Amino acid sequence: MLQELSLSTFRNLENLRWQPSKGSHLLLGGNGAGKTSLLEAVYLLSTTRSFRTSRINDCCQHGSSSFSLEGEILGESRVRLETSWKLRSKVRRLNGSEVALAKYLAAQPIVAWTHADADLLSGPPEPRRRFLDRGVMGTQPTALDLFGRYRRVLAHKRHVLQQGPQDLEIWNEMLAPVAFEMTALRARYVTKLARSLEEVLQLCSFPFPAITVHYRPSLNEVQSQEDVLAALRALEGEEKRRQRPLLGPQRDDLEVVWDDHSLRRVASQGERKAIGLALAAAHGKVLEQGGVKPIYLLDDADAELAKDTLEAVWKAFYGVEQVFASSNRPEVWDSIPFAKTWTLRLGQISV
């Protein structure tokens, strides 16, 4: 749980020291008021990444070349997180010391739904793979090293394929065990996610057809590392001809099925938004069942939603330890209780 956030020269926000309590928080304000920037600051503090840009220096306030974020986190113990951009480099510290990224990420897991997730249910597979991997690493932070190792070896294999016909054996031998473990981790996570989503959908009582999630691995029906290696070897000729890898976790997908149809083909924008928030809540439940209490960040939570649909969705977030939702429509929230409502205007926050 976030007990305190201090920031300086971050986006369009005035320097602040914010002390949110336990429970649900509604951030209200017009466009450009700083709502998304405040959620981004919490996200970046906890993950060392932004959900708005891949260029961390974009988070510097106009006219500044640096920013700093510090936060007090209360979990099983009290810890202090620090993330900053100074002298063209990123710094992260846990209780004043630089630590491995996996250890830092474990300090305060985040469940977020932002504009970056808008294409999760309707776009290409990449956002769904990122969603899968956030789920895996939220339940098992050490998987970060495994995923990083796979990306590095895959990059080498891509390079070899682009250089012309060469022996792929060594790269396939290195990929096989990591790919097998990644596939197994994703499959276990989706099994848990499917159960949690069913609970969330029952709680929300949406008037929707039956909704289920299914993991669609590129490496389907493999039982061992040896099976993976055999499958990779079988495609060597085609991969050399097309000069790119054709099999592996980088081609996996997560399918959301709506009454036997792919949801992205039949659901409206509002229906996709409601189900997306339900997926976020289900992801959080998986973490909570593993003994982790995430912070929920829901940017423009009510966008595309009618008031009654928002009220139904919000049932999934009752009772969570801490949730922050942003909106520029205060009238649609009047029947939803919050621990505190905050107003943002010109980068300043007030109760």
Protein backbone atom coordinates (compact mmCIF):
# COMPACT_ATOMS: atom_id res chain seq x y z
CA MET A 1 0.00 0.00 0.00
CA LEU A 2 1.26 3.45 -0.92
CA GLN A 3 1.47 5.60 2.22
CA GLU A 4 3.39 8.52 0.81
CA LEU A 5 4.53 9.77 -2.58
CA SER A 6 6.98 12.63 -3.04
CA LEU A 7 7.87 13.89 -6.48
CA SER A 8 9.72 16.75 -8.11
CA THR A 9 9.85 18.07 -11.68
CA PHE A 10 7.67 15.21 -12.93
CA ARG A 11 5.45 15.88 -15.97
CA ASN A 12 3.00 18.74 -15.41
CA LEU A 13 2.69 18.15 -11.66
CA GLU A 14 3.70 20.66 -9.05
CA ASN A 15 6.24 19.25 -6.59
CA LEU A 16 4.25 17.44 -3.94
CA ARG A 17 4.19 15.18 -0.91
CA TRP A 18 1.01 13.11 -1.11
CA GLN A 19 -0.23 10.78 1.64
CA PRO A 20 -3.14 8.63 0.43
CA SER A 21 -4.88 6.32 2.87
CA LYS A 22 -6.02 2.75 2.55
CA GLY A 23 -9.10 2.15 0.39
CA SER A 24 -10.48 3.63 -2.83
CA HIS A 25 -9.51 7.03 -4.21
CA LEU A 26 -11.13 9.01 -7.02
CA LEU A 27 -8.98 11.56 -8.86
CA LEU A 28 -11.12 14.19 -10.57
CA GLY A 29 -10.09 16.93 -12.97
CA GLY A 30 -10.31 18.18 -16.52
CA ASN A 31 -8.05 17.27 -19.40
CA GLY A 32 -4.43 18.15 -18.66
CA ALA A 33 -5.07 18.60 -14.95
CA GLY A 34 -2.49 15.98 -13.97
CA LYS A 35 -4.62 12.93 -13.16
CA THR A 36 -2.85 10.57 -15.54
CA SER A 37 0.53 12.02 -14.58
CA LEU A 38 -0.12 11.21 -10.91
CA LEU A 39 -1.09 7.62 -11.73
CA GLU A 40 1.95 7.39 -14.00
CA ALA A 41 4.16 8.53 -11.11
CA VAL A 42 2.83 5.74 -8.86
CA TYR A 43 3.28 3.23 -11.70
CA LEU A 44 6.81 4.37 -12.50
CA LEU A 45 7.82 4.41 -8.83
CA SER A 46 6.71 0.79 -8.45
CA THR A 47 7.82 -0.63 -11.82
CA THR A 48 10.62 1.76 -12.97
CA ARG A 49 8.70 2.10 -16.26
CA SER A 50 6.10 4.49 -17.65
CA PHE A 51 2.82 3.31 -19.17
CA ARG A 52 2.81 6.35 -21.48
CA THR A 53 6.26 6.32 -23.07
CA SER A 54 9.28 4.11 -23.62
CA ARG A 55 11.53 7.19 -23.28
CA ILE A 56 11.83 7.75 -19.55
CA ASN A 57 13.24 11.26 -20.04
CA ASP A 58 9.84 12.26 -21.49
CA CYS A 59 8.63 12.28 -17.88
CA CYS A 60 10.81 15.26 -17.03
CA GLN A 61 8.91 18.48 -16.50
CA HIS A 62 9.16 20.96 -19.36
CA GLY A 63 12.43 22.85 -18.98
CA SER A 64 13.97 20.23 -16.68
CA SER A 65 16.40 17.40 -17.47
CA SER A 66 15.62 15.31 -14.38
CA PHE A 67 12.87 14.11 -12.07
CA SER A 68 12.69 12.17 -8.83
CA LEU A 69 10.05 9.97 -7.22
CA GLU A 70 10.13 8.62 -3.67
CA GLY A 71 7.52 6.57 -1.89
CA GLU A 72 6.80 4.83 1.40
CA ILE A 73 5.23 1.41 0.91
CA LEU A 74 3.53 -0.46 3.74
CA GLY A 75 3.28 -4.22 3.31
CA GLU A 76 4.62 -6.94 5.55
CA SER A 77 7.19 -4.29 6.46
CA ARG A 78 7.71 -0.64 5.61
CA VAL A 79 10.00 0.01 2.63
CA ARG A 80 11.11 3.07 0.74
CA LEU A 81 11.27 3.13 -3.05
CA GLU A 82 13.16 5.70 -5.10
CA THR A 83 13.23 6.12 -8.87
CA SER A 84 14.83 9.06 -10.59
CA TRP A 85 16.24 10.27 -13.88
CA LYS A 86 19.39 12.31 -13.44
CA LEU A 87 22.39 12.99 -15.62
CA ARG A 88 20.78 10.99 -18.45
CA SER A 89 20.55 7.79 -16.40
CA LYS A 90 17.85 6.04 -14.39
CA VAL A 91 18.41 5.25 -10.72
CA ARG A 92 16.33 2.89 -8.58
CA ARG A 93 16.81 2.25 -4.87
CA LEU A 94 15.07 0.09 -2.31
CA ASN A 95 15.62 1.32 1.25
CA GLY A 96 18.51 3.44 0.01
CA SER A 97 20.34 0.64 -1.81
CA GLU A 98 20.50 -0.34 -5.46
CA VAL A 99 19.03 -3.83 -5.84
CA ALA A 100 18.21 -6.31 -8.59
CA LEU A 101 15.16 -5.31 -10.62
CA ALA A 102 13.21 -8.45 -9.60
CA LYS A 103 13.62 -7.57 -5.92
CA TYR A 104 12.58 -3.99 -6.56
CA LEU A 105 9.46 -5.03 -8.51
CA ALA A 106 8.38 -7.38 -5.71
CA ALA A 107 8.16 -4.49 -3.22
CA GLN A 108 4.85 -3.15 -4.57
CA PRO A 109 3.06 -4.95 -7.41
CA ILE A 110 0.77 -2.88 -9.61
CA VAL A 111 -2.40 -3.75 -11.50
CA ALA A 112 -3.09 -1.05 -14.08
CA TRP A 113 -5.61 -0.30 -16.78
CA THR A 114 -4.67 2.69 -18.92
CA HIS A 115 -4.94 3.93 -22.49
CA ALA A 116 -1.96 1.69 -23.24
CA ASP A 117 -4.29 -1.28 -22.66
CA ALA A 118 -7.02 -0.07 -25.00
CA ASP A 119 -5.96 -2.51 -27.73
CA LEU A 120 -5.71 -5.51 -25.40
CA LEU A 121 -8.99 -7.03 -26.54
CA SER A 122 -9.15 -5.74 -30.10
CA GLY A 123 -5.61 -5.25 -31.36
CA PRO A 124 -2.64 -7.44 -32.30
CA PRO A 125 -1.25 -10.14 -29.95
CA GLU A 126 1.62 -8.06 -28.52
CA PRO A 127 -0.48 -6.27 -25.84
CA ARG A 128 -1.99 -9.59 -24.75
CA ARG A 129 1.48 -11.15 -24.42
CA ARG A 130 2.52 -8.19 -22.27
CA PHE A 131 -0.60 -8.71 -20.14
CA LEU A 132 0.30 -12.39 -19.75
CA ASP A 133 3.84 -11.61 -18.74
CA ARG A 134 2.78 -8.95 -16.23
CA GLY A 135 0.63 -11.65 -14.67
CA VAL A 136 3.44 -14.20 -14.58
CA MET A 137 5.96 -11.75 -13.15
CA GLY A 138 3.44 -10.42 -10.65
CA THR A 139 3.06 -13.88 -9.18
CA GLN A 140 6.71 -14.86 -9.73
CA PRO A 141 9.09 -11.85 -9.99
CA THR A 142 12.10 -14.11 -10.60
CA ALA A 143 10.58 -14.95 -14.02
CA LEU A 144 11.94 -11.58 -15.12
CA ASP A 145 15.37 -13.16 -15.59
CA LEU A 146 13.92 -16.08 -17.55
CA PHE A 147 12.01 -13.79 -19.93
CA GLY A 148 15.06 -11.59 -20.38
CA ARG A 149 17.21 -14.60 -21.24
CA TYR A 150 14.71 -15.74 -23.86
CA ARG A 151 14.62 -12.30 -25.49
CA ARG A 152 18.43 -12.17 -25.70
CA VAL A 153 18.80 -15.62 -27.26
CA LEU A 154 15.90 -14.96 -29.65
CA ALA A 155 17.57 -11.73 -30.76
CA HIS A 156 20.74 -13.68 -31.59
CA LYS A 157 18.73 -16.23 -33.56
CA ARG A 158 16.99 -13.46 -35.52
CA HIS A 159 20.38 -11.96 -36.35
CA VAL A 160 21.69 -15.31 -37.57
CA LEU A 161 18.63 -15.86 -39.76
CA GLN A 162 18.96 -12.43 -41.32
CA GLN A 163 22.63 -13.01 -42.16
CA GLY A 164 21.86 -15.96 -44.43
CA PRO A 165 21.90 -19.77 -44.20
CA GLN A 166 23.80 -20.77 -41.07
CA ASP A 167 23.54 -23.49 -38.44
CA LEU A 168 20.69 -22.77 -36.01
CA GLU A 169 21.29 -25.77 -33.76
CA ILE A 170 23.08 -23.96 -30.95
CA TRP A 171 20.42 -21.27 -30.75
CA ASN A 172 17.55 -23.75 -30.82
CA GLU A 173 19.25 -25.77 -28.08
CA MET A 174 19.49 -22.61 -25.97
CA LEU A 175 15.91 -21.56 -26.71
CA ALA A 176 14.22 -24.90 -26.06
CA PRO A 177 14.44 -25.12 -22.23
CA VAL A 178 13.61 -21.44 -21.72
CA ALA A 179 10.69 -21.57 -24.16
CA PHE A 180 9.32 -24.67 -22.45
CA GLU A 181 9.46 -23.01 -19.02
CA MET A 182 7.92 -19.76 -20.30
CA THR A 183 5.05 -21.65 -21.90
CA ALA A 184 4.44 -23.60 -18.70
CA LEU A 185 4.44 -20.42 -16.57
CA ARG A 186 2.01 -18.67 -18.91
CA ALA A 187 -0.29 -21.70 -18.99
CA ARG A 188 -0.40 -21.92 -15.18
CA TYR A 189 -1.14 -18.21 -14.90
CA VAL A 190 -3.99 -18.34 -17.44
CA THR A 191 -5.57 -21.26 -15.56
CA LYS A 192 -5.64 -19.10 -12.42
CA LEU A 193 -6.78 -16.05 -14.37
CA ALA A 194 -9.71 -17.94 -15.92
CA ARG A 195 -10.96 -19.00 -12.48
CA SER A 196 -10.63 -15.47 -11.09
CA LEU A 197 -12.33 -13.94 -14.14
CA GLU A 198 -15.29 -16.26 -13.67
CA GLU A 199 -15.62 -15.03 -10.06
CA VAL A 200 -15.35 -11.39 -11.11
CA LEU A 201 -17.96 -11.74 -13.87
CA GLN A 202 -20.39 -13.39 -11.46
CA LEU A 203 -19.82 -10.56 -9.00
CA CYS A 204 -20.42 -7.87 -11.63
CA SER A 205 -23.51 -9.59 -13.10
CA PHE A 206 -22.95 -8.20 -16.60
CA PRO A 207 -25.78 -8.94 -19.08
CA PHE A 208 -23.21 -10.50 -21.40
CA PRO A 209 -22.92 -13.96 -22.98
CA ALA A 210 -20.51 -16.43 -21.41
CA ILE A 211 -16.91 -15.09 -21.40
CA THR A 212 -13.81 -17.26 -21.07
CA VAL A 213 -10.07 -16.83 -21.60
CA HIS A 214 -7.80 -19.31 -23.36
CA TYR A 215 -4.05 -19.49 -23.73
CA ARG A 216 -3.01 -20.08 -27.35
CA PRO A 217 0.66 -21.08 -27.23
CA SER A 218 2.73 -21.27 -30.38
CA LEU A 219 4.30 -24.41 -28.90
CA ASN A 220 1.10 -26.38 -28.57
CA GLU A 221 0.93 -29.85 -27.00
CA VAL A 222 4.62 -30.10 -26.11
CA GLN A 223 5.38 -32.22 -23.06
CA SER A 224 9.11 -31.65 -22.60
CA GLN A 225 12.11 -29.56 -23.58
CA GLU A 226 12.97 -32.30 -26.07
CA ASP A 227 9.57 -31.84 -27.74
CA VAL A 228 10.25 -28.11 -28.07
CA LEU A 229 13.67 -28.72 -29.58
CA ALA A 230 12.21 -31.21 -32.06
CA ALA A 231 9.55 -28.69 -33.09
CA LEU A 232 12.19 -25.97 -33.57
CA ARG A 233 14.37 -28.29 -35.63
CA ALA A 234 11.44 -29.23 -37.84
CA LEU A 235 10.98 -25.59 -38.84
CA GLU A 236 14.64 -24.75 -39.49
CA GLY A 237 14.29 -24.91 -43.27
CA GLU A 238 11.23 -22.66 -43.36
CA GLU A 239 12.79 -20.21 -40.88
CA LYS A 240 15.92 -19.93 -43.04
CA ARG A 241 13.79 -19.36 -46.11
CA ARG A 242 11.73 -16.62 -44.43
CA GLN A 243 14.67 -15.29 -42.39
CA ARG A 244 12.80 -15.03 -39.09
CA PRO A 245 11.80 -17.24 -36.13
CA LEU A 246 8.41 -18.85 -36.66
CA LEU A 247 7.87 -20.74 -33.40
CA GLY A 248 8.10 -19.88 -29.73
CA PRO A 249 6.53 -17.78 -26.94
CA GLN A 250 7.03 -14.61 -29.00
CA ARG A 251 4.08 -15.85 -31.10
CA ASP A 252 1.73 -16.81 -28.25
CA ASP A 253 -1.68 -15.23 -27.77
CA LEU A 254 -4.42 -14.91 -25.17
CA GLU A 255 -7.91 -15.27 -26.58
CA VAL A 256 -11.00 -13.89 -24.87
CA VAL A 257 -14.02 -15.84 -26.09
CA TRP A 258 -17.54 -14.44 -26.02
CA ASP A 259 -20.14 -17.16 -26.45
CA ASP A 260 -17.89 -19.16 -28.81
CA HIS A 261 -16.80 -16.06 -30.75
CA SER A 262 -13.60 -14.05 -30.37
CA LEU A 263 -14.56 -11.05 -28.29
CA ARG A 264 -12.56 -8.62 -30.42
CA ARG A 265 -14.86 -9.34 -33.38
CA VAL A 266 -18.24 -9.01 -31.70
CA ALA A 267 -18.04 -6.74 -28.64
CA SER A 268 -18.65 -3.00 -28.70
CA GLN A 269 -16.07 -0.51 -27.42
CA GLY A 270 -17.94 -0.11 -24.12
CA GLU A 271 -18.29 -3.86 -23.68
CA ARG A 272 -14.56 -4.32 -24.32
CA LYS A 273 -13.77 -1.63 -21.75
CA ALA A 274 -15.97 -3.29 -19.11
CA ILE A 275 -14.44 -6.70 -19.76
CA GLY A 276 -10.95 -5.19 -19.78
CA LEU A 277 -11.50 -3.78 -16.29
CA ALA A 278 -12.88 -7.16 -15.23
CA LEU A 279 -9.67 -8.77 -16.54
CA ALA A 280 -7.61 -6.30 -14.51
CA ALA A 281 -9.63 -7.16 -11.41
CA ALA A 282 -9.16 -10.88 -12.11
CA HIS A 283 -5.41 -10.38 -12.49
CA GLY A 284 -5.42 -8.63 -9.11
CA LYS A 285 -7.33 -11.50 -7.53
CA VAL A 286 -4.68 -13.95 -8.78
CA LEU A 287 -2.02 -11.85 -7.07
CA GLU A 288 -4.06 -11.57 -3.88
CA GLN A 289 -4.59 -15.34 -3.78
CA GLY A 290 -0.80 -15.66 -3.87
CA GLY A 291 -0.46 -13.44 -0.81
CA VAL A 292 0.31 -10.21 -2.70
CA LYS A 293 -1.70 -7.01 -2.28
CA PRO A 294 -1.35 -4.89 -5.41
CA ILE A 295 -2.17 -1.24 -5.94
CA TYR A 296 -4.85 -0.79 -8.63
CA LEU A 297 -4.44 2.12 -11.06
CA LEU A 298 -7.42 2.76 -13.37
CA ASP A 299 -6.95 5.73 -15.67
CA ASP A 300 -10.13 7.25 -17.15
CA ALA A 301 -11.91 4.34 -15.52
CA ASP A 302 -15.39 5.45 -16.63
CA ALA A 303 -14.55 6.26 -20.27
CA GLU A 304 -16.88 4.47 -22.74
CA LEU A 305 -19.02 3.20 -19.83
CA ALA A 306 -22.63 4.03 -19.03
CA LYS A 307 -23.29 4.78 -15.38
CA ASP A 308 -25.01 1.45 -14.67
CA THR A 309 -22.16 -0.48 -16.33
CA LEU A 310 -19.61 1.45 -14.27
CA GLU A 311 -21.51 0.59 -11.11
CA ALA A 312 -21.47 -3.08 -12.11
CA VAL A 313 -17.74 -3.03 -12.91
CA TRP A 314 -16.88 -1.34 -9.65
CA LYS A 315 -18.23 -4.28 -7.64
CA ALA A 316 -15.01 -6.08 -8.65
CA PHE A 317 -12.93 -3.50 -6.77
CA TYR A 318 -14.86 -3.34 -3.51
CA GLY A 319 -12.68 -4.46 -0.63
CA VAL A 320 -9.29 -4.20 -2.36
CA GLU A 321 -6.63 -2.63 -0.18
CA GLN A 322 -5.91 0.40 -2.36
CA VAL A 323 -7.28 1.56 -5.71
CA PHE A 324 -6.87 4.86 -7.57
CA ALA A 325 -9.30 5.75 -10.36
CA SER A 326 -9.23 8.90 -12.49
CA SER A 327 -12.15 10.59 -14.24
CA ASN A 328 -13.36 13.91 -15.60
CA ARG A 329 -17.05 13.01 -15.05
CA PRO A 330 -17.85 13.34 -11.32
CA GLU A 331 -21.58 12.83 -11.96
CA VAL A 332 -21.21 9.15 -12.93
CA TRP A 333 -19.54 8.29 -9.61
CA ASP A 334 -22.08 9.76 -7.19
CA SER A 335 -23.46 6.35 -6.17
CA ILE A 336 -20.02 4.76 -5.64
CA PRO A 337 -18.44 5.23 -2.19
CA PHE A 338 -14.79 6.28 -1.99
CA ALA A 339 -12.44 6.60 0.95
CA LYS A 340 -11.39 9.96 -0.48
CA THR A 341 -11.99 12.10 -3.55
CA TRP A 342 -9.18 14.32 -4.82
CA THR A 343 -9.30 17.20 -7.26
CA LEU A 344 -6.46 17.99 -9.65
CA ARG A 345 -6.13 21.35 -11.34
CA LEU A 346 -3.09 22.73 -13.16
CA GLY A 347 -0.88 20.03 -11.67
CA GLN A 348 -1.94 20.64 -8.08
CA ILE A 349 -3.88 18.17 -5.94
CA SER A 350 -6.37 18.97 -3.22
CA VAL A 351 -9.12 17.23 -1.29
